[in-house]
Amino acid sequence: MNTDSDTDTDTDTDADTTGPRTRIAQYLSRFFPVHDLDDDADIFELGFVSSVFAMQLVSFVEDEFGITVEHEDLELDHFRSLSALDAFVTRKLSTPLAR
């Protein structure tokens, strides 16, 4: 039977529809109207992000995607927009562990 491969295909499809960009947008939408934002809109410049929320965003990224945001990763450019966050998370997820 091919039920295992069918399940794998379904899982891959689900992952595509709930990829990093979608999951980040869902999280951000709890705090401000993401549907009105362009992917490259600067959420810091627009005033949506305080220093406290920036730390919450880092925690969300670590918890949601199982990655570690290292000290050197704490650059504003990684967190500035939906597309920047998506690219950062995607890059971290594709980077093999260093140990």
PDB file of N, CA and C in Angstrom:
ATOM      1  N   MET A   1       0.826  -1.191   0.000  1.00  0.00           N
ATOM      2  CA  MET A   1       0.000   0.000   0.000  1.00  0.00           C
ATOM      3  C   MET A   1       0.863   1.244   0.000  1.00  0.00           C
ATOM      4  N   ASN A   2       0.348   2.292  -0.573  1.00  0.00           N
ATOM      5  CA  ASN A   2       1.071   3.549  -0.659  1.00  0.00           C
ATOM      6  C   ASN A   2       0.563   4.583   0.332  1.00  0.00           C
ATOM      7  N   THR A   3       0.010   4.166   1.423  1.00  0.00           N
ATOM      8  CA  THR A   3      -0.543   5.127   2.382  1.00  0.00           C
ATOM      9  C   THR A   3       0.538   6.002   2.997  1.00  0.00           C
ATOM     10  N   ASP A   4       1.735   5.457   3.196  1.00  0.00           N
ATOM     11  CA  ASP A   4       2.821   6.268   3.748  1.00  0.00           C
ATOM     12  C   ASP A   4       3.196   7.399   2.808  1.00  0.00           C
ATOM     13  N   SER A   5       3.310   7.110   1.516  1.00  0.00           N
ATOM     14  CA  SER A   5       3.670   8.169   0.576  1.00  0.00           C
ATOM     15  C   SER A   5       2.536   9.168   0.406  1.00  0.00           C
ATOM     16  N   ASP A   6       1.294   8.667   0.496  1.00  0.00           N
ATOM     17  CA  ASP A   6       0.157   9.593   0.439  1.00  0.00           C
ATOM     18  C   ASP A   6       0.186  10.547   1.629  1.00  0.00           C
ATOM     19  N   THR A   7       0.500  10.012   2.788  1.00  0.00           N
ATOM     20  CA  THR A   7       0.572  10.835   3.997  1.00  0.00           C
ATOM     21  C   THR A   7       1.691  11.853   3.875  1.00  0.00           C
ATOM     22  N   ASP A   8       2.848  11.423   3.352  1.00  0.00           N
ATOM     23  CA  ASP A   8       3.968  12.340   3.175  1.00  0.00           C
ATOM     24  C   ASP A   8       3.596  13.478   2.234  1.00  0.00           C
ATOM     25  N   THR A   9       2.899  13.151   1.167  1.00  0.00           N
ATOM     26  CA  THR A   9       2.489  14.177   0.216  1.00  0.00           C
ATOM     27  C   THR A   9       1.544  15.163   0.875  1.00  0.00           C
ATOM     28  N   ASP A  10       0.584  14.648   1.661  1.00  0.00           N
ATOM     29  CA  ASP A  10      -0.347  15.534   2.356  1.00  0.00           C
ATOM     30  C   ASP A  10       0.387  16.440   3.327  1.00  0.00           C
ATOM     31  N   THR A  11       1.358  15.901   4.033  1.00  0.00           N
ATOM     32  CA  THR A  11       2.127  16.687   4.990  1.00  0.00           C
ATOM     33  C   THR A  11       2.899  17.777   4.278  1.00  0.00           C
ATOM     34  N   ASP A  12       3.515  17.443   3.132  1.00  0.00           N
ATOM     35  CA  ASP A  12       4.260  18.444   2.381  1.00  0.00           C
ATOM     36  C   ASP A  12       3.337  19.562   1.909  1.00  0.00           C
ATOM     37  N   THR A  13       2.160  19.215   1.461  1.00  0.00           N
ATOM     38  CA  THR A  13       1.205  20.219   1.007  1.00  0.00           C
ATOM     39  C   THR A  13       0.791  21.112   2.165  1.00  0.00           C
ATOM     40  N   ASP A  14       0.527  20.524   3.331  1.00  0.00           N
ATOM     41  CA  ASP A  14       0.160  21.302   4.502  1.00  0.00           C
ATOM     42  C   ASP A  14       1.287  22.249   4.885  1.00  0.00           C
ATOM     43  N   ALA A  15       2.524  21.780   4.809  1.00  0.00           N
ATOM     44  CA  ALA A  15       3.665  22.608   5.165  1.00  0.00           C
ATOM     45  C   ALA A  15       3.768  23.809   4.229  1.00  0.00           C
ATOM     46  N   ASP A  16       3.457  23.600   2.954  1.00  0.00           N
ATOM     47  CA  ASP A  16       3.522  24.696   1.993  1.00  0.00           C
ATOM     48  C   ASP A  16       2.507  25.795   2.325  1.00  0.00           C
ATOM     49  N   THR A  17       1.316  25.406   2.758  1.00  0.00           N
ATOM     50  CA  THR A  17       0.286  26.397   3.041  1.00  0.00           C
ATOM     51  C   THR A  17       0.476  27.051   4.401  1.00  0.00           C
ATOM     52  N   THR A  18       1.287  26.447   5.253  1.00  0.00           N
ATOM     53  CA  THR A  18       1.562  27.048   6.558  1.00  0.00           C
ATOM     54  C   THR A  18       3.065  27.267   6.714  1.00  0.00           C
ATOM     55  N   GLY A  19       3.702  27.701   5.639  1.00  0.00           N
ATOM     56  CA  GLY A  19       5.130  27.977   5.664  1.00  0.00           C
ATOM     57  C   GLY A  19       5.446  29.163   6.557  1.00  0.00           C
ATOM     58  N   PRO A  20       6.729  29.488   6.661  1.00  0.00           N
ATOM     59  CA  PRO A  20       7.140  30.576   7.550  1.00  0.00           C
ATOM     60  C   PRO A  20       6.388  31.887   7.326  1.00  0.00           C
ATOM     61  N   ARG A  21       6.229  32.313   6.089  1.00  0.00           N
ATOM     62  CA  ARG A  21       5.586  33.601   5.830  1.00  0.00           C
ATOM     63  C   ARG A  21       4.168  33.640   6.398  1.00  0.00           C
ATOM     64  N   THR A  22       3.406  32.578   6.137  1.00  0.00           N
ATOM     65  CA  THR A  22       2.027  32.509   6.611  1.00  0.00           C
ATOM     66  C   THR A  22       1.970  32.485   8.137  1.00  0.00           C
ATOM     67  N   ARG A  23       2.813  31.688   8.752  1.00  0.00           N
ATOM     68  CA  ARG A  23       2.820  31.579  10.211  1.00  0.00           C
ATOM     69  C   ARG A  23       3.258  32.891  10.866  1.00  0.00           C
ATOM     70  N   ILE A  24       4.223  33.574  10.271  1.00  0.00           N
ATOM     71  CA  ILE A  24       4.676  34.874  10.794  1.00  0.00           C
ATOM     72  C   ILE A  24       3.550  35.900  10.651  1.00  0.00           C
ATOM     73  N   ALA A  25       2.912  35.920   9.495  1.00  0.00           N
ATOM     74  CA  ALA A  25       1.811  36.867   9.268  1.00  0.00           C
ATOM     75  C   ALA A  25       0.671  36.620  10.252  1.00  0.00           C
ATOM     76  N   GLN A  26       0.360  35.353  10.513  1.00  0.00           N
ATOM     77  CA  GLN A  26      -0.698  35.037  11.480  1.00  0.00           C
ATOM     78  C   GLN A  26      -0.330  35.556  12.868  1.00  0.00           C
ATOM     79  N   TYR A  27       0.912  35.391  13.255  1.00  0.00           N
ATOM     80  CA  TYR A  27       1.359  35.884  14.565  1.00  0.00           C
ATOM     81  C   TYR A  27       1.267  37.406  14.619  1.00  0.00           C
ATOM     82  N   LEU A  28       1.810  38.073  13.621  1.00  0.00           N
ATOM     83  CA  LEU A  28       1.806  39.536  13.603  1.00  0.00           C
ATOM     84  C   LEU A  28       0.389  40.096  13.580  1.00  0.00           C
ATOM     85  N   SER A  29      -0.525  39.382  12.916  1.00  0.00           N
ATOM     86  CA  SER A  29      -1.901  39.880  12.798  1.00  0.00           C
ATOM     87  C   SER A  29      -2.615  39.926  14.147  1.00  0.00           C
ATOM     88  N   ARG A  30      -2.079  39.249  15.135  1.00  0.00           N
ATOM     89  CA  ARG A  30      -2.655  39.321  16.480  1.00  0.00           C
ATOM     90  C   ARG A  30      -2.391  40.684  17.125  1.00  0.00           C
ATOM     91  N   PHE A  31      -1.433  41.436  16.568  1.00  0.00           N
ATOM     92  CA  PHE A  31      -1.011  42.694  17.179  1.00  0.00           C
ATOM     93  C   PHE A  31      -1.285  43.929  16.319  1.00  0.00           C
ATOM     94  N   PHE A  32      -1.316  43.759  15.005  1.00  0.00           N
ATOM     95  CA  PHE A  32      -1.603  44.873  14.102  1.00  0.00           C
ATOM     96  C   PHE A  32      -2.097  44.333  12.769  1.00  0.00           C
ATOM     97  N   PRO A  33      -2.707  45.209  11.952  1.00  0.00           N
ATOM     98  CA  PRO A  33      -3.365  44.761  10.702  1.00  0.00           C
ATOM     99  C   PRO A  33      -2.375  44.386   9.591  1.00  0.00           C
ATOM    100  N   VAL A  34      -1.937  43.147   9.608  1.00  0.00           N
ATOM    101  CA  VAL A  34      -0.975  42.663   8.620  1.00  0.00           C
ATOM    102  C   VAL A  34      -1.554  42.681   7.208  1.00  0.00           C
ATOM    103  N   HIS A  35      -2.863  42.467   7.071  1.00  0.00           N
ATOM    104  CA  HIS A  35      -3.461  42.409   5.739  1.00  0.00           C
ATOM    105  C   HIS A  35      -3.290  43.725   4.979  1.00  0.00           C
ATOM    106  N   ASP A  36      -3.037  44.809   5.692  1.00  0.00           N
ATOM    107  CA  ASP A  36      -2.823  46.102   5.039  1.00  0.00           C
ATOM    108  C   ASP A  36      -1.361  46.377   4.719  1.00  0.00           C
ATOM    109  N   LEU A  37      -0.468  45.469   5.094  1.00  0.00           N
ATOM    110  CA  LEU A  37       0.967  45.673   4.905  1.00  0.00           C
ATOM    111  C   LEU A  37       1.469  45.041   3.618  1.00  0.00           C
ATOM    112  N   ASP A  38       2.373  45.727   2.956  1.00  0.00           N
ATOM    113  CA  ASP A  38       3.149  45.090   1.901  1.00  0.00           C
ATOM    114  C   ASP A  38       4.166  44.187   2.585  1.00  0.00           C
ATOM    115  N   ASP A  39       4.606  43.154   1.906  1.00  0.00           N
ATOM    116  CA  ASP A  39       5.584  42.242   2.497  1.00  0.00           C
ATOM    117  C   ASP A  39       6.866  42.953   2.925  1.00  0.00           C
ATOM    118  N   ASP A  40       7.200  44.041   2.244  1.00  0.00           N
ATOM    119  CA  ASP A  40       8.441  44.763   2.541  1.00  0.00           C
ATOM    120  C   ASP A  40       8.235  45.998   3.409  1.00  0.00           C
ATOM    121  N   ALA A  41       7.024  46.209   3.916  1.00  0.00           N
ATOM    122  CA  ALA A  41       6.761  47.368   4.779  1.00  0.00           C
ATOM    123  C   ALA A  41       7.552  47.226   6.075  1.00  0.00           C
ATOM    124  N   ASP A  42       8.200  48.298   6.497  1.00  0.00           N
ATOM    125  CA  ASP A  42       9.039  48.314   7.689  1.00  0.00           C
ATOM    126  C   ASP A  42       8.160  48.456   8.931  1.00  0.00           C
ATOM    127  N   ILE A  43       7.976  47.359   9.664  1.00  0.00           N
ATOM    128  CA  ILE A  43       7.074  47.372  10.808  1.00  0.00           C
ATOM    129  C   ILE A  43       7.628  48.200  11.966  1.00  0.00           C
ATOM    130  N   PHE A  44       8.931  48.419  12.005  1.00  0.00           N
ATOM    131  CA  PHE A  44       9.522  49.288  13.027  1.00  0.00           C
ATOM    132  C   PHE A  44       9.248  50.745  12.683  1.00  0.00           C
ATOM    133  N   GLU A  45       9.505  51.098  11.437  1.00  0.00           N
ATOM    134  CA  GLU A  45       9.290  52.473  10.974  1.00  0.00           C
ATOM    135  C   GLU A  45       7.816  52.869  11.081  1.00  0.00           C
ATOM    136  N   LEU A  46       6.925  51.918  10.860  1.00  0.00           N
ATOM    137  CA  LEU A  46       5.489  52.188  10.943  1.00  0.00           C
ATOM    138  C   LEU A  46       4.992  52.309  12.387  1.00  0.00           C
ATOM    139  N   GLY A  47       5.865  52.008  13.343  1.00  0.00           N
ATOM    140  CA  GLY A  47       5.509  52.155  14.747  1.00  0.00           C
ATOM    141  C   GLY A  47       4.787  50.971  15.362  1.00  0.00           C
ATOM    142  N   PHE A  48       4.759  49.834  14.678  1.00  0.00           N
ATOM    143  CA  PHE A  48       4.082  48.657  15.201  1.00  0.00           C
ATOM    144  C   PHE A  48       4.902  47.917  16.252  1.00  0.00           C
ATOM    145  N   VAL A  49       6.217  48.146  16.276  1.00  0.00           N
ATOM    146  CA  VAL A  49       7.098  47.355  17.116  1.00  0.00           C
ATOM    147  C   VAL A  49       7.778  48.217  18.175  1.00  0.00           C
ATOM    148  N   SER A  50       7.589  47.835  19.426  1.00  0.00           N
ATOM    149  CA  SER A  50       8.315  48.442  20.543  1.00  0.00           C
ATOM    150  C   SER A  50       9.489  47.521  20.883  1.00  0.00           C
ATOM    151  N   SER A  51      10.340  47.946  21.789  1.00  0.00           N
ATOM    152  CA  SER A  51      11.469  47.099  22.183  1.00  0.00           C
ATOM    153  C   SER A  51      10.974  45.811  22.838  1.00  0.00           C
ATOM    154  N   VAL A  52       9.900  45.901  23.606  1.00  0.00           N
ATOM    155  CA  VAL A  52       9.333  44.708  24.247  1.00  0.00           C
ATOM    156  C   VAL A  52       8.778  43.763  23.186  1.00  0.00           C
ATOM    157  N   PHE A  53       8.050  44.307  22.213  1.00  0.00           N
ATOM    158  CA  PHE A  53       7.495  43.459  21.164  1.00  0.00           C
ATOM    159  C   PHE A  53       8.607  42.843  20.317  1.00  0.00           C
ATOM    160  N   ALA A  54       9.696  43.551  20.127  1.00  0.00           N
ATOM    161  CA  ALA A  54      10.822  43.005  19.361  1.00  0.00           C
ATOM    162  C   ALA A  54      11.343  41.729  20.036  1.00  0.00           C
ATOM    163  N   MET A  55      11.431  41.751  21.352  1.00  0.00           N
ATOM    164  CA  MET A  55      11.880  40.560  22.076  1.00  0.00           C
ATOM    165  C   MET A  55      10.833  39.445  22.001  1.00  0.00           C
ATOM    166  N   GLN A  56       9.554  39.811  22.020  1.00  0.00           N
ATOM    167  CA  GLN A  56       8.491  38.810  21.852  1.00  0.00           C
ATOM    168  C   GLN A  56       8.591  38.182  20.463  1.00  0.00           C
ATOM    169  N   LEU A  57       8.916  38.982  19.478  1.00  0.00           N
ATOM    170  CA  LEU A  57       9.045  38.492  18.113  1.00  0.00           C
ATOM    171  C   LEU A  57      10.198  37.502  17.996  1.00  0.00           C
ATOM    172  N   VAL A  58      11.312  37.804  18.644  1.00  0.00           N
ATOM    173  CA  VAL A  58      12.452  36.882  18.655  1.00  0.00           C
ATOM    174  C   VAL A  58      12.035  35.566  19.325  1.00  0.00           C
ATOM    175  N   SER A  59      11.360  35.654  20.463  1.00  0.00           N
ATOM    176  CA  SER A  59      10.901  34.445  21.159  1.00  0.00           C
ATOM    177  C   SER A  59       9.938  33.640  20.301  1.00  0.00           C
ATOM    178  N   PHE A  60       9.013  34.334  19.619  1.00  0.00           N
ATOM    179  CA  PHE A  60       8.079  33.652  18.730  1.00  0.00           C
ATOM    180  C   PHE A  60       8.829  32.882  17.649  1.00  0.00           C
ATOM    181  N   VAL A  61       9.778  33.531  16.998  1.00  0.00           N
ATOM    182  CA  VAL A  61      10.537  32.891  15.921  1.00  0.00           C
ATOM    183  C   VAL A  61      11.253  31.644  16.446  1.00  0.00           C
ATOM    184  N   GLU A  62      11.874  31.758  17.597  1.00  0.00           N
ATOM    185  CA  GLU A  62      12.581  30.598  18.164  1.00  0.00           C
ATOM    186  C   GLU A  62      11.616  29.466  18.502  1.00  0.00           C
ATOM    187  N   ASP A  63      10.533  29.799  19.176  1.00  0.00           N
ATOM    188  CA  ASP A  63       9.577  28.774  19.603  1.00  0.00           C
ATOM    189  C   ASP A  63       8.804  28.163  18.446  1.00  0.00           C
ATOM    190  N   GLU A  64       8.335  28.994  17.549  1.00  0.00           N
ATOM    191  CA  GLU A  64       7.495  28.532  16.441  1.00  0.00           C
ATOM    192  C   GLU A  64       8.262  27.663  15.451  1.00  0.00           C
ATOM    193  N   PHE A  65       9.526  28.011  15.192  1.00  0.00           N
ATOM    194  CA  PHE A  65      10.287  27.327  14.151  1.00  0.00           C
ATOM    195  C   PHE A  65      11.401  26.446  14.700  1.00  0.00           C
ATOM    196  N   GLY A  66      11.561  26.410  16.034  1.00  0.00           N
ATOM    197  CA  GLY A  66      12.574  25.552  16.629  1.00  0.00           C
ATOM    198  C   GLY A  66      13.990  25.944  16.254  1.00  0.00           C
ATOM    199  N   ILE A  67      14.223  27.230  16.095  1.00  0.00           N
ATOM    200  CA  ILE A  67      15.556  27.709  15.757  1.00  0.00           C
ATOM    201  C   ILE A  67      16.082  28.564  16.904  1.00  0.00           C
ATOM    202  N   THR A  68      17.378  28.786  16.894  1.00  0.00           N
ATOM    203  CA  THR A  68      17.996  29.662  17.880  1.00  0.00           C
ATOM    204  C   THR A  68      18.425  30.941  17.189  1.00  0.00           C
ATOM    205  N   VAL A  69      17.971  32.053  17.719  1.00  0.00           N
ATOM    206  CA  VAL A  69      18.399  33.349  17.208  1.00  0.00           C
ATOM    207  C   VAL A  69      19.650  33.716  17.995  1.00  0.00           C
ATOM    208  N   GLU A  70      20.772  33.655  17.326  1.00  0.00           N
ATOM    209  CA  GLU A  70      22.059  33.943  17.950  1.00  0.00           C
ATOM    210  C   GLU A  70      22.243  35.443  18.104  1.00  0.00           C
ATOM    211  N   HIS A  71      23.192  35.818  18.943  1.00  0.00           N
ATOM    212  CA  HIS A  71      23.487  37.238  19.164  1.00  0.00           C
ATOM    213  C   HIS A  71      23.754  37.954  17.832  1.00  0.00           C
ATOM    214  N   GLU A  72      24.527  37.312  16.963  1.00  0.00           N
ATOM    215  CA  GLU A  72      24.858  37.932  15.673  1.00  0.00           C
ATOM    216  C   GLU A  72      23.650  38.018  14.727  1.00  0.00           C
ATOM    217  N   ASP A  73      22.583  37.288  15.036  1.00  0.00           N
ATOM    218  CA  ASP A  73      21.354  37.342  14.235  1.00  0.00           C
ATOM    219  C   ASP A  73      20.471  38.533  14.600  1.00  0.00           C
ATOM    220  N   LEU A  74      20.757  39.181  15.716  1.00  0.00           N
ATOM    221  CA  LEU A  74      19.901  40.261  16.216  1.00  0.00           C
ATOM    222  C   LEU A  74      20.152  41.571  15.472  1.00  0.00           C
ATOM    223  N   GLU A  75      20.018  41.496  14.173  1.00  0.00           N
ATOM    224  CA  GLU A  75      20.124  42.672  13.316  1.00  0.00           C
ATOM    225  C   GLU A  75      18.715  43.094  12.927  1.00  0.00           C
ATOM    226  N   LEU A  76      18.460  44.367  12.986  1.00  0.00           N
ATOM    227  CA  LEU A  76      17.141  44.898  12.657  1.00  0.00           C
ATOM    228  C   LEU A  76      16.682  44.452  11.271  1.00  0.00           C
ATOM    229  N   ASP A  77      17.606  44.351  10.344  1.00  0.00           N
ATOM    230  CA  ASP A  77      17.245  43.972   8.977  1.00  0.00           C
ATOM    231  C   ASP A  77      16.601  42.587   8.890  1.00  0.00           C
ATOM    232  N   HIS A  78      16.867  41.708   9.842  1.00  0.00           N
ATOM    233  CA  HIS A  78      16.253  40.372   9.839  1.00  0.00           C
ATOM    234  C   HIS A  78      14.801  40.400  10.295  1.00  0.00           C
ATOM    235  N   PHE A  79      14.394  41.450  11.009  1.00  0.00           N
ATOM    236  CA  PHE A  79      13.082  41.498  11.638  1.00  0.00           C
ATOM    237  C   PHE A  79      12.221  42.663  11.151  1.00  0.00           C
ATOM    238  N   ARG A  80      12.732  43.441  10.237  1.00  0.00           N
ATOM    239  CA  ARG A  80      12.140  44.704   9.802  1.00  0.00           C
ATOM    240  C   ARG A  80      10.811  44.557   9.058  1.00  0.00           C
ATOM    241  N   SER A  81      10.625  43.466   8.335  1.00  0.00           N
ATOM    242  CA  SER A  81       9.424  43.303   7.507  1.00  0.00           C
ATOM    243  C   SER A  81       9.033  41.832   7.442  1.00  0.00           C
ATOM    244  N   LEU A  82       7.856  41.596   6.936  1.00  0.00           N
ATOM    245  CA  LEU A  82       7.380  40.227   6.769  1.00  0.00           C
ATOM    246  C   LEU A  82       8.308  39.442   5.840  1.00  0.00           C
ATOM    247  N   SER A  83       8.721  40.045   4.745  1.00  0.00           N
ATOM    248  CA  SER A  83       9.609  39.327   3.824  1.00  0.00           C
ATOM    249  C   SER A  83      10.987  39.102   4.433  1.00  0.00           C
ATOM    250  N   ALA A  84      11.483  40.056   5.230  1.00  0.00           N
ATOM    251  CA  ALA A  84      12.782  39.882   5.887  1.00  0.00           C
ATOM    252  C   ALA A  84      12.710  38.758   6.917  1.00  0.00           C
ATOM    253  N   LEU A  85      11.640  38.713   7.690  1.00  0.00           N
ATOM    254  CA  LEU A  85      11.451  37.641   8.667  1.00  0.00           C
ATOM    255  C   LEU A  85      11.351  36.285   7.982  1.00  0.00           C
ATOM    256  N   ASP A  86      10.597  36.224   6.902  1.00  0.00           N
ATOM    257  CA  ASP A  86      10.451  34.982   6.144  1.00  0.00           C
ATOM    258  C   ASP A  86      11.810  34.508   5.639  1.00  0.00           C
ATOM    259  N   ALA A  87      12.587  35.402   5.054  1.00  0.00           N
ATOM    260  CA  ALA A  87      13.909  35.047   4.529  1.00  0.00           C
ATOM    261  C   ALA A  87      14.841  34.596   5.654  1.00  0.00           C
ATOM    262  N   PHE A  88      14.802  35.297   6.771  1.00  0.00           N
ATOM    263  CA  PHE A  88      15.653  34.947   7.916  1.00  0.00           C
ATOM    264  C   PHE A  88      15.310  33.549   8.434  1.00  0.00           C
ATOM    265  N   VAL A  89      14.034  33.298   8.667  1.00  0.00           N
ATOM    266  CA  VAL A  89      13.604  31.992   9.183  1.00  0.00           C
ATOM    267  C   VAL A  89      13.945  30.896   8.179  1.00  0.00           C
ATOM    268  N   THR A  90      13.672  31.124   6.913  1.00  0.00           N
ATOM    269  CA  THR A  90      13.966  30.125   5.885  1.00  0.00           C
ATOM    270  C   THR A  90      15.451  29.806   5.844  1.00  0.00           C
ATOM    271  N   ARG A  91      16.275  30.835   5.955  1.00  0.00           N
ATOM    272  CA  ARG A  91      17.731  30.630   5.949  1.00  0.00           C
ATOM    273  C   ARG A  91      18.160  29.834   7.173  1.00  0.00           C
ATOM    274  N   LYS A  92      17.635  30.200   8.350  1.00  0.00           N
ATOM    275  CA  LYS A  92      18.004  29.487   9.579  1.00  0.00           C
ATOM    276  C   LYS A  92      17.550  28.027   9.528  1.00  0.00           C
ATOM    277  N   LEU A  93      16.373  27.776   8.970  1.00  0.00           N
ATOM    278  CA  LEU A  93      15.868  26.410   8.870  1.00  0.00           C
ATOM    279  C   LEU A  93      16.692  25.570   7.908  1.00  0.00           C
ATOM    280  N   SER A  94      17.299  26.189   6.921  1.00  0.00           N
ATOM    281  CA  SER A  94      18.070  25.442   5.930  1.00  0.00           C
ATOM    282  C   SER A  94      19.538  25.301   6.308  1.00  0.00           C
ATOM    283  N   THR A  95      19.966  25.990   7.368  1.00  0.00           N
ATOM    284  CA  THR A  95      21.347  25.916   7.811  1.00  0.00           C
ATOM    285  C   THR A  95      21.524  24.707   8.722  1.00  0.00           C
ATOM    286  N   PRO A  96      22.466  23.819   8.367  1.00  0.00           N
ATOM    287  CA  PRO A  96      22.686  22.638   9.231  1.00  0.00           C
ATOM    288  C   PRO A  96      23.269  23.075  10.586  1.00  0.00           C
ATOM    289  N   LEU A  97      22.971  22.275  11.604  1.00  0.00           N
ATOM    290  CA  LEU A  97      23.511  22.552  12.930  1.00  0.00           C
ATOM    291  C   LEU A  97      25.027  22.457  12.910  1.00  0.00           C
ATOM    292  N   ALA A  98      25.676  23.326  13.658  1.00  0.00           N
ATOM    293  CA  ALA A  98      27.137  23.425  13.627  1.00  0.00           C
ATOM    294  C   ALA A  98      27.822  22.402  14.519  1.00  0.00           C
ATOM    295  N   ARG A  99      27.102  21.515  15.148  1.00  0.00           N
ATOM    296  CA  ARG A  99      27.768  20.559  16.056  1.00  0.00           C
ATOM    297  C   ARG A  99      27.585  19.172  15.641  1.00  0.00           C
TER     298      ARG A  99
END
